[in-house]
């Protein structure tokens, strides 16, 4: 994948952007980024056996009804449901992509 070239005066946050944000039908928003140099060392500590060449970061976002920093059974239930939405959304991609996926 080739990075998207920012045009004009764009913030540093878009440097390394490979795919701009997109919203999936189930409400999960994602984007694809090259691994920033400043983040590569920390990533190597979390995934020590993973080759970083050609590695991309795919952050995901979705709306929550509750404040997820709270604790309790209702919050835990919503966290589980939101995580399941992300896992369900990545299954078709995982089956069509000739690469390994790592969740952190």
C-alpha atoms as a PDB file:
ATOM      1  CA  UNK A   1       0.000   0.000   0.000  1.00  0.00           C
ATOM      2  CA  UNK A   2       1.238   3.459  -0.837  1.00  0.00           C
ATOM      3  CA  UNK A   3       0.723   6.337   1.588  1.00  0.00           C
ATOM      4  CA  UNK A   4      -1.837   8.996   0.723  1.00  0.00           C
ATOM      5  CA  UNK A   5      -0.036  12.223  -0.150  1.00  0.00           C
ATOM      6  CA  UNK A   6      -1.379  15.125   1.924  1.00  0.00           C
ATOM      7  CA  UNK A   7      -2.104  18.269  -0.058  1.00  0.00           C
ATOM      8  CA  UNK A   8      -1.449  21.822   1.099  1.00  0.00           C
ATOM      9  CA  UNK A   9      -0.999  22.569   4.767  1.00  0.00           C
ATOM     10  CA  UNK A  10      -1.932  19.340   6.546  1.00  0.00           C
ATOM     11  CA  UNK A  11      -1.155  18.479  10.154  1.00  0.00           C
ATOM     12  CA  UNK A  12       1.555  15.987  11.099  1.00  0.00           C
ATOM     13  CA  UNK A  13      -1.201  13.601  12.199  1.00  0.00           C
ATOM     14  CA  UNK A  14      -1.850  12.741   8.535  1.00  0.00           C
ATOM     15  CA  UNK A  15       1.784  11.921   7.781  1.00  0.00           C
ATOM     16  CA  UNK A  16       1.955   8.213   7.006  1.00  0.00           C
ATOM     17  CA  UNK A  17      -1.778   7.944   6.319  1.00  0.00           C
ATOM     18  CA  UNK A  18      -2.336   5.018   3.950  1.00  0.00           C
ATOM     19  CA  UNK A  19      -6.138   4.951   3.934  1.00  0.00           C
ATOM     20  CA  UNK A  20      -8.289   7.817   5.204  1.00  0.00           C
ATOM     21  CA  UNK A  21     -10.989   7.171   7.809  1.00  0.00           C
ATOM     22  CA  UNK A  22     -13.931   5.065   6.642  1.00  0.00           C
ATOM     23  CA  UNK A  23     -17.118   4.034   8.408  1.00  0.00           C
ATOM     24  CA  UNK A  24     -18.243   0.416   8.163  1.00  0.00           C
ATOM     25  CA  UNK A  25     -21.961  -0.467   8.083  1.00  0.00           C
ATOM     26  CA  UNK A  26     -21.794  -1.756  11.686  1.00  0.00           C
ATOM     27  CA  UNK A  27     -20.599   1.643  12.989  1.00  0.00           C
ATOM     28  CA  UNK A  28     -16.886   0.850  13.312  1.00  0.00           C
ATOM     29  CA  UNK A  29     -14.667   3.616  11.929  1.00  0.00           C
ATOM     30  CA  UNK A  30     -11.093   2.801  10.913  1.00  0.00           C
ATOM     31  CA  UNK A  31      -8.073   4.185   9.084  1.00  0.00           C
ATOM     32  CA  UNK A  32      -4.730   2.691   8.010  1.00  0.00           C
ATOM     33  CA  UNK A  33      -1.347   4.204   8.907  1.00  0.00           C
ATOM     34  CA  UNK A  34       2.329   3.405   8.490  1.00  0.00           C
ATOM     35  CA  UNK A  35       4.050   2.782  11.827  1.00  0.00           C
ATOM     36  CA  UNK A  36       5.540   6.109  12.979  1.00  0.00           C
ATOM     37  CA  UNK A  37       9.262   5.923  13.753  1.00  0.00           C
ATOM     38  CA  UNK A  38       8.687   7.118  17.309  1.00  0.00           C
ATOM     39  CA  UNK A  39       6.190   4.319  17.891  1.00  0.00           C
ATOM     40  CA  UNK A  40       8.203   1.467  16.361  1.00  0.00           C
ATOM     41  CA  UNK A  41      10.301   0.796  19.487  1.00  0.00           C
ATOM     42  CA  UNK A  42       7.242   0.502  21.748  1.00  0.00           C
ATOM     43  CA  UNK A  43       5.521  -1.722  19.192  1.00  0.00           C
ATOM     44  CA  UNK A  44       8.557  -4.025  19.146  1.00  0.00           C
ATOM     45  CA  UNK A  45       8.198  -4.452  22.934  1.00  0.00           C
ATOM     46  CA  UNK A  46       4.529  -5.442  22.590  1.00  0.00           C
ATOM     47  CA  UNK A  47       5.007  -7.667  19.502  1.00  0.00           C
ATOM     48  CA  UNK A  48       8.658  -8.797  19.777  1.00  0.00           C
ATOM     49  CA  UNK A  49       8.397 -11.640  17.234  1.00  0.00           C
ATOM     50  CA  UNK A  50       6.701  -9.590  14.502  1.00  0.00           C
ATOM     51  CA  UNK A  51       8.708  -8.207  11.566  1.00  0.00           C
ATOM     52  CA  UNK A  52       7.930  -4.496  11.354  1.00  0.00           C
ATOM     53  CA  UNK A  53       8.765  -4.022   7.676  1.00  0.00           C
ATOM     54  CA  UNK A  54       5.463  -3.498   5.858  1.00  0.00           C
ATOM     55  CA  UNK A  55       3.517  -3.316   9.113  1.00  0.00           C
ATOM     56  CA  UNK A  56       0.502  -1.004   9.339  1.00  0.00           C
ATOM     57  CA  UNK A  57      -1.514   0.322  12.267  1.00  0.00           C
ATOM     58  CA  UNK A  58      -5.304   0.214  11.951  1.00  0.00           C
ATOM     59  CA  UNK A  59      -6.948   2.178  14.773  1.00  0.00           C
ATOM     60  CA  UNK A  60     -10.671   1.609  15.210  1.00  0.00           C
ATOM     61  CA  UNK A  61     -13.297   3.863  16.764  1.00  0.00           C
ATOM     62  CA  UNK A  62     -16.953   3.437  17.604  1.00  0.00           C
ATOM     63  CA  UNK A  63     -19.609   5.196  19.638  1.00  0.00           C
ATOM     64  CA  UNK A  64     -20.420   3.915  23.098  1.00  0.00           C
ATOM     65  CA  UNK A  65     -23.589   4.564  25.065  1.00  0.00           C
ATOM     66  CA  UNK A  66     -21.741   4.486  28.393  1.00  0.00           C
ATOM     67  CA  UNK A  67     -18.542   6.005  29.752  1.00  0.00           C
ATOM     68  CA  UNK A  68     -16.234   3.021  29.314  1.00  0.00           C
ATOM     69  CA  UNK A  69     -13.758   4.117  31.994  1.00  0.00           C
ATOM     70  CA  UNK A  70     -16.388   3.218  34.585  1.00  0.00           C
ATOM     71  CA  UNK A  71     -16.709  -0.283  36.005  1.00  0.00           C
ATOM     72  CA  UNK A  72     -19.668  -2.546  36.574  1.00  0.00           C
ATOM     73  CA  UNK A  73     -21.634  -5.259  34.811  1.00  0.00           C
ATOM     74  CA  UNK A  74     -23.414  -2.906  32.389  1.00  0.00           C
ATOM     75  CA  UNK A  75     -20.133  -1.288  31.301  1.00  0.00           C
ATOM     76  CA  UNK A  76     -18.446  -4.693  30.983  1.00  0.00           C
ATOM     77  CA  UNK A  77     -21.319  -5.909  28.825  1.00  0.00           C
ATOM     78  CA  UNK A  78     -21.034  -2.898  26.502  1.00  0.00           C
ATOM     79  CA  UNK A  79     -17.251  -3.306  26.243  1.00  0.00           C
ATOM     80  CA  UNK A  80     -17.757  -6.945  25.224  1.00  0.00           C
ATOM     81  CA  UNK A  81     -20.360  -5.986  22.598  1.00  0.00           C
ATOM     82  CA  UNK A  82     -18.130  -3.253  21.125  1.00  0.00           C
ATOM     83  CA  UNK A  83     -15.126  -5.597  20.981  1.00  0.00           C
ATOM     84  CA  UNK A  84     -17.258  -8.216  19.221  1.00  0.00           C
ATOM     85  CA  UNK A  85     -18.250  -5.625  16.579  1.00  0.00           C
ATOM     86  CA  UNK A  86     -14.571  -4.947  15.831  1.00  0.00           C
ATOM     87  CA  UNK A  87     -13.730  -8.656  15.680  1.00  0.00           C
ATOM     88  CA  UNK A  88     -16.696  -9.329  13.388  1.00  0.00           C
ATOM     89  CA  UNK A  89     -15.683  -6.443  11.115  1.00  0.00           C
ATOM     90  CA  UNK A  90     -12.125  -7.730  10.692  1.00  0.00           C
ATOM     91  CA  UNK A  91     -13.009 -11.367   9.858  1.00  0.00           C
ATOM     92  CA  UNK A  92     -13.756 -10.741   6.136  1.00  0.00           C
ATOM     93  CA  UNK A  93     -10.596  -8.640   5.810  1.00  0.00           C
ATOM     94  CA  UNK A  94      -8.486 -11.302   7.507  1.00  0.00           C
ATOM     95  CA  UNK A  95      -9.731 -13.986   5.105  1.00  0.00           C
ATOM     96  CA  UNK A  96      -8.919 -11.838   2.018  1.00  0.00           C
ATOM     97  CA  UNK A  97      -5.573 -10.427   3.146  1.00  0.00           C
ATOM     98  CA  UNK A  98      -2.306 -12.315   2.638  1.00  0.00           C
ATOM     99  CA  UNK A  99      -0.929 -11.069   5.952  1.00  0.00           C
ATOM    100  CA  UNK A 100      -1.044 -11.730   9.655  1.00  0.00           C
ATOM    101  CA  UNK A 101      -3.197  -9.567  11.914  1.00  0.00           C
ATOM    102  CA  UNK A 102      -2.226  -8.715  15.478  1.00  0.00           C
ATOM    103  CA  UNK A 103      -4.549  -7.137  18.029  1.00  0.00           C
ATOM    104  CA  UNK A 104      -3.117  -5.020  20.795  1.00  0.00           C
END
